[in-house]
Amino acid sequence: MNQELFLMINSLAGKNEVLDILGISLANSMPYIFIVLEIYLYFIVKKKNEAIFAFYSVVVSLGLNFIISLFYFHNRPFMDNLGVMLIQHTPENSFPSDHTTFLFAISFSLVFSKIKYSYILLFFALLGGMARVYVGVHYPFDILGGIFSGLFGATLIYFFKDRLLFLNQFIFKIEQIIFKGKRWGFY
């Protein structure tokens, strides 16, 4: 079923230049867009705790992916000689998708934090994940695994967020030192 779904989605690749450019752009750039969003939330909107909790969610979720990779290896589609590959990728473990995990960890964390318009991020995270299938570097179940991994990390951090506030305060103090320059005599 996983291979059939992959072939159905990936069968569109290489047939329409505009769709290929869109797929490649979404597959490659979505994590950078989410990083810019995190920076925007932290420095401009001043939703600092929420941005930090989203970061923690990413760390926990990608940590879970690492643990999974120690016990389970799944080929990427091109390693199984399936589909059309629109971007180059190293032949490594495919499950769960780290890109998708990253996107959903941030999205779910911001939804849990009740950030305005955060539900829209879930849609863009899904687009980014499905684009990874379209360009031929992931199976659909890798994306599903990334969704669940991101949800796990965001849920865990949300559950323990009150206990993590002391760590956020430490980060704020470091930020104050760096950007105020008081310790190093910049003023």
N, C-alpha and C. Protein backbone atom coordinates (compact mmCIF):
# COMPACT_ATOMS: atom_id res chain seq x y z
N MET A 1 0.83 -1.20 0.00
CA MET A 1 0.00 0.00 0.00
C MET A 1 0.88 1.26 0.00
N ASN A 2 1.95 1.26 0.79
CA ASN A 2 2.84 2.40 0.88
C ASN A 2 3.45 2.69 -0.49
N GLN A 3 3.91 1.64 -1.16
CA GLN A 3 4.50 1.81 -2.48
C GLN A 3 3.48 2.27 -3.51
N GLU A 4 2.27 1.75 -3.42
CA GLU A 4 1.22 2.14 -4.36
C GLU A 4 0.86 3.61 -4.20
N LEU A 5 0.73 4.06 -2.94
CA LEU A 5 0.45 5.48 -2.69
C LEU A 5 1.60 6.35 -3.20
N PHE A 6 2.83 5.90 -2.93
CA PHE A 6 3.98 6.65 -3.42
C PHE A 6 3.92 6.79 -4.94
N LEU A 7 3.71 5.69 -5.63
CA LEU A 7 3.69 5.71 -7.10
C LEU A 7 2.57 6.59 -7.63
N MET A 8 1.44 6.60 -6.94
CA MET A 8 0.32 7.44 -7.36
C MET A 8 0.69 8.92 -7.27
N ILE A 9 1.31 9.33 -6.17
CA ILE A 9 1.69 10.73 -5.98
C ILE A 9 2.88 11.09 -6.85
N ASN A 10 3.88 10.25 -6.85
CA ASN A 10 5.12 10.53 -7.58
C ASN A 10 4.96 10.40 -9.09
N SER A 11 3.88 9.75 -9.55
CA SER A 11 3.68 9.57 -10.99
C SER A 11 3.48 10.90 -11.71
N LEU A 12 3.14 11.93 -10.97
CA LEU A 12 2.96 13.27 -11.56
C LEU A 12 4.29 13.97 -11.79
N ALA A 13 5.34 13.52 -11.10
CA ALA A 13 6.65 14.18 -11.17
C ALA A 13 7.26 14.01 -12.56
N GLY A 14 7.90 15.10 -13.02
CA GLY A 14 8.59 15.07 -14.30
C GLY A 14 7.69 15.29 -15.50
N LYS A 15 6.43 15.59 -15.27
CA LYS A 15 5.49 15.75 -16.38
C LYS A 15 5.03 17.19 -16.60
N ASN A 16 5.19 18.02 -15.57
CA ASN A 16 4.76 19.41 -15.67
C ASN A 16 5.82 20.26 -14.98
N GLU A 17 6.46 21.13 -15.73
CA GLU A 17 7.58 21.91 -15.19
C GLU A 17 7.16 22.80 -14.03
N VAL A 18 5.99 23.41 -14.13
CA VAL A 18 5.51 24.30 -13.07
C VAL A 18 5.26 23.50 -11.79
N LEU A 19 4.60 22.35 -11.93
CA LEU A 19 4.32 21.50 -10.77
C LEU A 19 5.63 20.98 -10.16
N ASP A 20 6.60 20.64 -11.01
CA ASP A 20 7.90 20.18 -10.50
C ASP A 20 8.61 21.27 -9.72
N ILE A 21 8.62 22.48 -10.25
CA ILE A 21 9.26 23.60 -9.55
C ILE A 21 8.58 23.85 -8.21
N LEU A 22 7.25 23.80 -8.21
CA LEU A 22 6.50 23.99 -6.97
C LEU A 22 6.81 22.87 -5.97
N GLY A 23 6.82 21.63 -6.43
CA GLY A 23 7.11 20.50 -5.56
C GLY A 23 8.51 20.58 -4.98
N ILE A 24 9.49 20.88 -5.82
CA ILE A 24 10.87 20.99 -5.36
C ILE A 24 11.00 22.15 -4.36
N SER A 25 10.36 23.26 -4.67
CA SER A 25 10.43 24.43 -3.77
C SER A 25 9.82 24.11 -2.41
N LEU A 26 8.67 23.48 -2.41
CA LEU A 26 8.03 23.12 -1.14
C LEU A 26 8.86 22.10 -0.37
N ALA A 27 9.38 21.11 -1.07
CA ALA A 27 10.15 20.04 -0.42
C ALA A 27 11.42 20.59 0.22
N ASN A 28 12.07 21.53 -0.45
CA ASN A 28 13.35 22.04 0.04
C ASN A 28 13.24 23.23 0.96
N SER A 29 12.30 24.13 0.71
CA SER A 29 12.29 25.41 1.43
C SER A 29 11.37 25.49 2.63
N MET A 30 10.42 24.58 2.75
CA MET A 30 9.46 24.69 3.84
C MET A 30 10.11 24.76 5.22
N PRO A 31 11.13 23.94 5.52
CA PRO A 31 11.76 24.07 6.85
C PRO A 31 12.35 25.46 7.08
N TYR A 32 12.93 26.07 6.05
CA TYR A 32 13.51 27.41 6.20
C TYR A 32 12.42 28.45 6.46
N ILE A 33 11.29 28.28 5.82
CA ILE A 33 10.16 29.19 6.06
C ILE A 33 9.71 29.08 7.51
N PHE A 34 9.67 27.87 8.03
CA PHE A 34 9.26 27.67 9.42
C PHE A 34 10.30 28.23 10.39
N ILE A 35 11.58 28.15 10.03
CA ILE A 35 12.62 28.75 10.86
C ILE A 35 12.44 30.27 10.91
N VAL A 36 12.18 30.88 9.76
CA VAL A 36 11.93 32.32 9.70
C VAL A 36 10.70 32.67 10.55
N LEU A 37 9.67 31.84 10.50
CA LEU A 37 8.48 32.06 11.32
C LEU A 37 8.84 32.01 12.80
N GLU A 38 9.66 31.05 13.19
CA GLU A 38 10.10 30.96 14.60
C GLU A 38 10.83 32.23 15.02
N ILE A 39 11.73 32.71 14.18
CA ILE A 39 12.48 33.93 14.47
C ILE A 39 11.52 35.12 14.56
N TYR A 40 10.58 35.17 13.65
CA TYR A 40 9.57 36.24 13.65
C TYR A 40 8.75 36.21 14.95
N LEU A 41 8.30 35.02 15.35
CA LEU A 41 7.53 34.90 16.59
C LEU A 41 8.35 35.33 17.80
N TYR A 42 9.61 34.97 17.83
CA TYR A 42 10.44 35.26 18.99
C TYR A 42 10.80 36.74 19.06
N PHE A 43 11.31 37.30 17.97
CA PHE A 43 11.87 38.65 18.02
C PHE A 43 10.88 39.77 17.68
N ILE A 44 9.95 39.50 16.80
CA ILE A 44 9.02 40.55 16.35
C ILE A 44 7.71 40.52 17.12
N VAL A 45 7.06 39.36 17.14
CA VAL A 45 5.76 39.23 17.81
C VAL A 45 5.93 39.13 19.32
N LYS A 46 7.14 38.77 19.76
CA LYS A 46 7.47 38.63 21.18
C LYS A 46 6.70 37.50 21.86
N LYS A 47 6.42 36.45 21.10
CA LYS A 47 5.84 35.22 21.65
C LYS A 47 7.00 34.28 21.95
N LYS A 48 7.85 34.72 22.85
CA LYS A 48 9.12 34.05 23.10
C LYS A 48 8.95 32.65 23.68
N ASN A 49 8.13 32.51 24.70
CA ASN A 49 7.92 31.19 25.28
C ASN A 49 7.37 30.21 24.25
N GLU A 50 6.42 30.67 23.47
CA GLU A 50 5.81 29.81 22.46
C GLU A 50 6.83 29.37 21.41
N ALA A 51 7.67 30.30 20.99
CA ALA A 51 8.71 29.97 20.01
C ALA A 51 9.71 28.98 20.59
N ILE A 52 10.07 29.17 21.84
CA ILE A 52 11.02 28.25 22.48
C ILE A 52 10.39 26.87 22.67
N PHE A 53 9.13 26.83 23.07
CA PHE A 53 8.46 25.53 23.22
C PHE A 53 8.39 24.80 21.88
N ALA A 54 8.18 25.54 20.80
CA ALA A 54 8.17 24.91 19.47
C ALA A 54 9.55 24.34 19.16
N PHE A 55 10.60 25.07 19.53
CA PHE A 55 11.96 24.57 19.33
C PHE A 55 12.19 23.29 20.15
N TYR A 56 11.77 23.31 21.41
CA TYR A 56 11.91 22.10 22.23
C TYR A 56 11.17 20.93 21.59
N SER A 57 10.00 21.21 21.05
CA SER A 57 9.21 20.16 20.39
C SER A 57 9.98 19.54 19.24
N VAL A 58 10.66 20.38 18.48
CA VAL A 58 11.47 19.88 17.36
C VAL A 58 12.59 18.99 17.90
N VAL A 59 13.26 19.44 18.94
CA VAL A 59 14.37 18.66 19.50
C VAL A 59 13.89 17.29 19.99
N VAL A 60 12.79 17.28 20.72
CA VAL A 60 12.25 16.01 21.23
C VAL A 60 11.81 15.12 20.07
N SER A 61 11.12 15.68 19.10
CA SER A 61 10.61 14.90 17.97
C SER A 61 11.74 14.32 17.13
N LEU A 62 12.75 15.13 16.83
CA LEU A 62 13.88 14.61 16.06
C LEU A 62 14.70 13.62 16.88
N GLY A 63 14.73 13.80 18.19
CA GLY A 63 15.35 12.81 19.07
C GLY A 63 14.63 11.47 18.98
N LEU A 64 13.31 11.53 18.96
CA LEU A 64 12.51 10.31 18.79
C LEU A 64 12.83 9.65 17.45
N ASN A 65 12.94 10.45 16.39
CA ASN A 65 13.30 9.90 15.08
C ASN A 65 14.64 9.19 15.14
N PHE A 66 15.60 9.79 15.83
CA PHE A 66 16.91 9.17 15.96
C PHE A 66 16.81 7.82 16.65
N ILE A 67 16.03 7.78 17.73
CA ILE A 67 15.86 6.51 18.45
C ILE A 67 15.20 5.47 17.55
N ILE A 68 14.18 5.88 16.82
CA ILE A 68 13.52 4.95 15.88
C ILE A 68 14.54 4.42 14.88
N SER A 69 15.40 5.30 14.38
CA SER A 69 16.37 4.88 13.36
C SER A 69 17.39 3.87 13.90
N LEU A 70 17.58 3.84 15.20
CA LEU A 70 18.48 2.85 15.79
C LEU A 70 17.91 1.43 15.72
N PHE A 71 16.58 1.35 15.65
CA PHE A 71 15.93 0.04 15.69
C PHE A 71 15.23 -0.34 14.38
N TYR A 72 15.02 0.65 13.52
CA TYR A 72 14.27 0.36 12.30
C TYR A 72 14.87 1.14 11.14
N PHE A 73 15.12 0.45 10.05
CA PHE A 73 15.63 1.09 8.83
C PHE A 73 14.65 0.83 7.70
N HIS A 74 14.33 1.90 6.99
CA HIS A 74 13.44 1.76 5.84
C HIS A 74 14.06 2.48 4.66
N ASN A 75 14.15 1.79 3.54
CA ASN A 75 14.70 2.39 2.33
C ASN A 75 13.91 3.60 1.87
N ARG A 76 14.59 4.49 1.20
CA ARG A 76 13.92 5.56 0.47
C ARG A 76 13.44 4.97 -0.85
N PRO A 77 12.43 5.59 -1.48
CA PRO A 77 11.90 5.02 -2.72
C PRO A 77 12.96 4.78 -3.80
N PHE A 78 13.87 5.71 -3.97
CA PHE A 78 14.89 5.55 -5.01
C PHE A 78 15.84 4.40 -4.69
N MET A 79 15.96 4.05 -3.41
CA MET A 79 16.79 2.90 -3.03
C MET A 79 16.11 1.60 -3.45
N ASP A 80 14.79 1.65 -3.61
CA ASP A 80 14.01 0.50 -4.08
C ASP A 80 13.77 0.58 -5.59
N ASN A 81 14.47 1.51 -6.24
CA ASN A 81 14.31 1.73 -7.70
C ASN A 81 12.87 2.06 -8.09
N LEU A 82 12.24 2.89 -7.28
CA LEU A 82 10.86 3.30 -7.55
C LEU A 82 10.79 4.78 -7.85
N GLY A 83 9.93 5.14 -8.78
CA GLY A 83 9.57 6.52 -9.01
C GLY A 83 10.60 7.38 -9.71
N VAL A 84 10.25 8.65 -9.75
CA VAL A 84 11.08 9.69 -10.36
C VAL A 84 11.65 10.53 -9.23
N MET A 85 12.95 10.76 -9.27
CA MET A 85 13.61 11.56 -8.24
C MET A 85 13.90 12.95 -8.82
N LEU A 86 13.29 13.98 -8.24
CA LEU A 86 13.49 15.35 -8.72
C LEU A 86 14.60 16.08 -7.97
N ILE A 87 14.95 15.59 -6.78
CA ILE A 87 16.06 16.19 -6.03
C ILE A 87 16.99 15.07 -5.59
N GLN A 88 18.23 15.41 -5.40
CA GLN A 88 19.21 14.42 -4.94
C GLN A 88 19.09 14.25 -3.43
N HIS A 89 19.31 13.03 -2.98
CA HIS A 89 19.28 12.75 -1.55
C HIS A 89 20.21 11.58 -1.28
N THR A 90 20.81 11.60 -0.11
CA THR A 90 21.68 10.49 0.26
C THR A 90 20.83 9.25 0.55
N PRO A 91 21.33 8.09 0.23
CA PRO A 91 20.59 6.86 0.52
C PRO A 91 20.69 6.49 2.00
N GLU A 92 19.74 6.99 2.77
CA GLU A 92 19.73 6.76 4.21
C GLU A 92 18.32 6.41 4.65
N ASN A 93 18.15 6.22 5.94
CA ASN A 93 16.85 5.84 6.49
C ASN A 93 15.77 6.85 6.10
N SER A 94 14.63 6.31 5.76
CA SER A 94 13.53 7.14 5.28
C SER A 94 12.45 7.38 6.33
N PHE A 95 12.36 6.48 7.31
CA PHE A 95 11.24 6.54 8.25
C PHE A 95 11.72 6.92 9.65
N PRO A 96 11.03 7.87 10.27
CA PRO A 96 10.07 8.83 9.72
C PRO A 96 10.80 10.00 9.06
N SER A 97 10.07 10.76 8.30
CA SER A 97 10.64 11.91 7.60
C SER A 97 11.04 13.00 8.61
N ASP A 98 12.32 13.34 8.63
CA ASP A 98 12.79 14.40 9.53
C ASP A 98 12.21 15.76 9.13
N HIS A 99 12.13 16.03 7.83
CA HIS A 99 11.56 17.30 7.37
C HIS A 99 10.12 17.44 7.88
N THR A 100 9.34 16.40 7.68
CA THR A 100 7.94 16.44 8.10
C THR A 100 7.83 16.53 9.61
N THR A 101 8.67 15.80 10.31
CA THR A 101 8.69 15.86 11.78
C THR A 101 8.94 17.29 12.24
N PHE A 102 9.95 17.91 11.66
CA PHE A 102 10.30 19.29 11.98
C PHE A 102 9.10 20.22 11.80
N LEU A 103 8.46 20.12 10.63
CA LEU A 103 7.34 21.01 10.32
C LEU A 103 6.16 20.79 11.26
N PHE A 104 5.83 19.53 11.52
CA PHE A 104 4.68 19.25 12.37
C PHE A 104 4.96 19.50 13.85
N ALA A 105 6.19 19.32 14.29
CA ALA A 105 6.51 19.63 15.68
C ALA A 105 6.26 21.12 15.95
N ILE A 106 6.71 21.96 15.05
CA ILE A 106 6.47 23.40 15.19
C ILE A 106 4.98 23.70 15.08
N SER A 107 4.33 23.14 14.06
CA SER A 107 2.90 23.43 13.84
C SER A 107 2.04 23.03 15.03
N PHE A 108 2.20 21.78 15.48
CA PHE A 108 1.39 21.33 16.61
C PHE A 108 1.70 22.14 17.87
N SER A 109 2.96 22.46 18.10
CA SER A 109 3.32 23.24 19.27
C SER A 109 2.63 24.60 19.25
N LEU A 110 2.62 25.25 18.09
CA LEU A 110 1.99 26.56 18.00
C LEU A 110 0.47 26.47 18.07
N VAL A 111 -0.10 25.38 17.57
CA VAL A 111 -1.55 25.16 17.74
C VAL A 111 -1.87 25.00 19.22
N PHE A 112 -1.08 24.18 19.94
CA PHE A 112 -1.30 23.99 21.38
C PHE A 112 -1.14 25.30 22.15
N SER A 113 -0.26 26.18 21.66
CA SER A 113 -0.04 27.47 22.32
C SER A 113 -1.07 28.52 21.91
N LYS A 114 -1.98 28.11 21.05
CA LYS A 114 -3.07 28.98 20.59
C LYS A 114 -2.57 30.24 19.87
N ILE A 115 -1.52 30.06 19.08
CA ILE A 115 -1.00 31.15 18.25
C ILE A 115 -1.98 31.38 17.10
N LYS A 116 -2.30 32.64 16.86
CA LYS A 116 -3.24 33.00 15.81
C LYS A 116 -2.77 32.43 14.46
N TYR A 117 -3.69 31.86 13.72
CA TYR A 117 -3.46 31.29 12.38
C TYR A 117 -2.59 30.04 12.39
N SER A 118 -2.33 29.47 13.56
CA SER A 118 -1.42 28.32 13.61
C SER A 118 -1.99 27.08 12.91
N TYR A 119 -3.31 26.98 12.81
CA TYR A 119 -3.89 25.84 12.11
C TYR A 119 -3.51 25.84 10.63
N ILE A 120 -3.26 27.00 10.09
CA ILE A 120 -2.82 27.10 8.70
C ILE A 120 -1.46 26.43 8.54
N LEU A 121 -0.63 26.50 9.58
CA LEU A 121 0.68 25.87 9.52
C LEU A 121 0.58 24.36 9.35
N LEU A 122 -0.45 23.75 9.92
CA LEU A 122 -0.64 22.31 9.74
C LEU A 122 -0.82 21.98 8.26
N PHE A 123 -1.56 22.83 7.55
CA PHE A 123 -1.75 22.64 6.12
C PHE A 123 -0.43 22.76 5.37
N PHE A 124 0.37 23.78 5.70
CA PHE A 124 1.65 23.97 5.03
C PHE A 124 2.64 22.86 5.39
N ALA A 125 2.56 22.38 6.62
CA ALA A 125 3.41 21.25 7.02
C ALA A 125 3.05 20.01 6.19
N LEU A 126 1.77 19.79 5.99
CA LEU A 126 1.33 18.65 5.18
C LEU A 126 1.78 18.83 3.72
N LEU A 127 1.66 20.03 3.21
CA LEU A 127 2.15 20.30 1.85
C LEU A 127 3.65 20.00 1.73
N GLY A 128 4.40 20.46 2.71
CA GLY A 128 5.85 20.21 2.71
C GLY A 128 6.15 18.72 2.77
N GLY A 129 5.41 18.00 3.58
CA GLY A 129 5.61 16.55 3.68
C GLY A 129 5.25 15.83 2.40
N MET A 130 4.11 16.17 1.83
CA MET A 130 3.68 15.52 0.60
C MET A 130 4.59 15.87 -0.57
N ALA A 131 5.18 17.05 -0.53
CA ALA A 131 6.13 17.44 -1.57
C ALA A 131 7.36 16.52 -1.53
N ARG A 132 7.71 16.05 -0.34
CA ARG A 132 8.84 15.11 -0.21
C ARG A 132 8.52 13.79 -0.91
N VAL A 133 7.26 13.41 -0.92
CA VAL A 133 6.83 12.22 -1.66
C VAL A 133 6.85 12.52 -3.16
N TYR A 134 6.30 13.66 -3.51
CA TYR A 134 6.23 14.06 -4.93
C TYR A 134 7.61 14.06 -5.58
N VAL A 135 8.62 14.58 -4.88
CA VAL A 135 9.97 14.67 -5.47
C VAL A 135 10.74 13.36 -5.38
N GLY A 136 10.16 12.35 -4.77
CA GLY A 136 10.72 11.01 -4.82
C GLY A 136 11.68 10.61 -3.71
N VAL A 137 11.68 11.34 -2.59
CA VAL A 137 12.63 11.00 -1.53
C VAL A 137 11.99 10.37 -0.29
N HIS A 138 10.66 10.28 -0.26
CA HIS A 138 9.97 9.66 0.88
C HIS A 138 8.74 8.90 0.40
N TYR A 139 8.41 7.89 1.18
CA TYR A 139 7.13 7.19 1.03
C TYR A 139 6.07 7.93 1.85
N PRO A 140 4.79 7.76 1.50
CA PRO A 140 3.73 8.41 2.30
C PRO A 140 3.74 8.02 3.78
N PHE A 141 4.06 6.76 4.09
CA PHE A 141 4.08 6.36 5.49
C PHE A 141 5.21 7.04 6.26
N ASP A 142 6.28 7.44 5.56
CA ASP A 142 7.34 8.22 6.20
C ASP A 142 6.79 9.56 6.67
N ILE A 143 5.91 10.12 5.84
CA ILE A 143 5.29 11.40 6.17
C ILE A 143 4.35 11.22 7.36
N LEU A 144 3.57 10.15 7.33
CA LEU A 144 2.67 9.85 8.45
C LEU A 144 3.46 9.66 9.73
N GLY A 145 4.58 8.94 9.65
CA GLY A 145 5.45 8.77 10.82
C GLY A 145 5.97 10.11 11.32
N GLY A 146 6.33 11.01 10.40
CA GLY A 146 6.79 12.34 10.78
C GLY A 146 5.70 13.15 11.47
N ILE A 147 4.47 13.01 11.00
CA ILE A 147 3.34 13.71 11.63
C ILE A 147 3.19 13.24 13.08
N PHE A 148 3.20 11.92 13.27
CA PHE A 148 3.04 11.39 14.62
C PHE A 148 4.23 11.73 15.52
N SER A 149 5.42 11.72 14.96
CA SER A 149 6.60 12.08 15.75
C SER A 149 6.52 13.54 16.17
N GLY A 150 6.13 14.42 15.25
CA GLY A 150 5.97 15.84 15.57
C GLY A 150 4.89 16.06 16.61
N LEU A 151 3.79 15.33 16.48
CA LEU A 151 2.71 15.42 17.46
C LEU A 151 3.17 14.94 18.84
N PHE A 152 3.93 13.86 18.86
CA PHE A 152 4.44 13.33 20.13
C PHE A 152 5.31 14.38 20.83
N GLY A 153 6.28 14.94 20.10
CA GLY A 153 7.18 15.93 20.69
C GLY A 153 6.44 17.16 21.19
N ALA A 154 5.52 17.67 20.38
CA ALA A 154 4.76 18.86 20.77
C ALA A 154 3.87 18.59 21.97
N THR A 155 3.26 17.40 22.01
CA THR A 155 2.39 17.04 23.13
C THR A 155 3.20 16.90 24.41
N LEU A 156 4.35 16.25 24.31
CA LEU A 156 5.20 16.07 25.49
C LEU A 156 5.65 17.42 26.05
N ILE A 157 6.10 18.30 25.18
CA ILE A 157 6.55 19.62 25.63
C ILE A 157 5.38 20.42 26.19
N TYR A 158 4.22 20.34 25.55
CA TYR A 158 3.05 21.05 26.07
C TYR A 158 2.70 20.56 27.48
N PHE A 159 2.79 19.27 27.68
CA PHE A 159 2.48 18.69 28.98
C PHE A 159 3.44 19.18 30.07
N PHE A 160 4.72 19.34 29.70
CA PHE A 160 5.74 19.74 30.68
C PHE A 160 6.14 21.21 30.58
N LYS A 161 5.38 22.02 29.85
CA LYS A 161 5.80 23.40 29.59
C LYS A 161 6.01 24.22 30.87
N ASP A 162 5.18 24.03 31.87
CA ASP A 162 5.35 24.80 33.11
C ASP A 162 6.66 24.44 33.81
N ARG A 163 7.07 23.21 33.69
CA ARG A 163 8.33 22.78 34.31
C ARG A 163 9.55 23.22 33.50
N LEU A 164 9.32 23.67 32.27
CA LEU A 164 10.43 24.10 31.42
C LEU A 164 10.64 25.61 31.43
N LEU A 165 9.78 26.34 32.11
CA LEU A 165 9.89 27.80 32.13
C LEU A 165 11.21 28.28 32.72
N PHE A 166 11.77 27.53 33.67
CA PHE A 166 13.07 27.92 34.23
C PHE A 166 14.15 27.93 33.15
N LEU A 167 14.06 26.98 32.22
CA LEU A 167 15.02 26.91 31.12
C LEU A 167 14.83 28.10 30.17
N ASN A 168 13.59 28.45 29.94
CA ASN A 168 13.30 29.63 29.11
C ASN A 168 13.88 30.88 29.75
N GLN A 169 13.78 31.00 31.06
CA GLN A 169 14.33 32.16 31.75
C GLN A 169 15.85 32.24 31.57
N PHE A 170 16.49 31.10 31.58
CA PHE A 170 17.93 31.05 31.33
C PHE A 170 18.24 31.54 29.91
N ILE A 171 17.44 31.11 28.95
CA ILE A 171 17.61 31.55 27.56
C ILE A 171 17.41 33.07 27.46
N PHE A 172 16.42 33.60 28.16
CA PHE A 172 16.17 35.04 28.13
C PHE A 172 17.36 35.81 28.70
N LYS A 173 17.99 35.28 29.74
CA LYS A 173 19.16 35.93 30.32
C LYS A 173 20.32 35.93 29.33
N ILE A 174 20.52 34.84 28.63
CA ILE A 174 21.57 34.78 27.61
C ILE A 174 21.27 35.77 26.50
N GLU A 175 20.02 35.83 26.09
CA GLU A 175 19.61 36.80 25.06
C GLU A 175 19.91 38.22 25.51
N GLN A 176 19.61 38.51 26.76
CA GLN A 176 19.84 39.84 27.30
C GLN A 176 21.34 40.19 27.27
N ILE A 177 22.16 39.25 27.63
CA ILE A 177 23.61 39.47 27.61
C ILE A 177 24.09 39.71 26.18
N ILE A 178 23.63 38.90 25.26
CA ILE A 178 24.08 39.00 23.87
C ILE A 178 23.61 40.30 23.23
N PHE A 179 22.33 40.61 23.39
CA PHE A 179 21.77 41.75 22.67
C PHE A 179 21.88 43.08 23.41
N LYS A 180 22.07 43.04 24.69
CA LYS A 180 22.24 44.29 25.43
C LYS A 180 23.70 44.65 25.56
N GLY A 181 24.57 43.65 25.54
CA GLY A 181 25.99 43.88 25.60
C GLY A 181 26.48 44.40 26.93
N LYS A 182 25.69 44.36 27.99
CA LYS A 182 26.07 44.94 29.27
C LYS A 182 27.29 44.26 29.87
N ARG A 183 27.39 42.97 29.74
CA ARG A 183 28.49 42.23 30.35
C ARG A 183 29.82 42.55 29.71
N TRP A 184 29.79 42.88 28.41
CA TRP A 184 31.04 43.05 27.70
C TRP A 184 31.38 44.51 27.43
N GLY A 185 30.64 45.41 28.04
CA GLY A 185 30.95 46.82 27.97
C GLY A 185 30.69 47.46 26.61
N PHE A 186 29.65 47.03 25.90
CA PHE A 186 29.34 47.62 24.60
C PHE A 186 28.61 48.94 24.73
N TYR A 187 28.13 49.25 25.92
CA TYR A 187 27.39 50.51 26.11
C TYR A 187 28.16 51.42 27.02
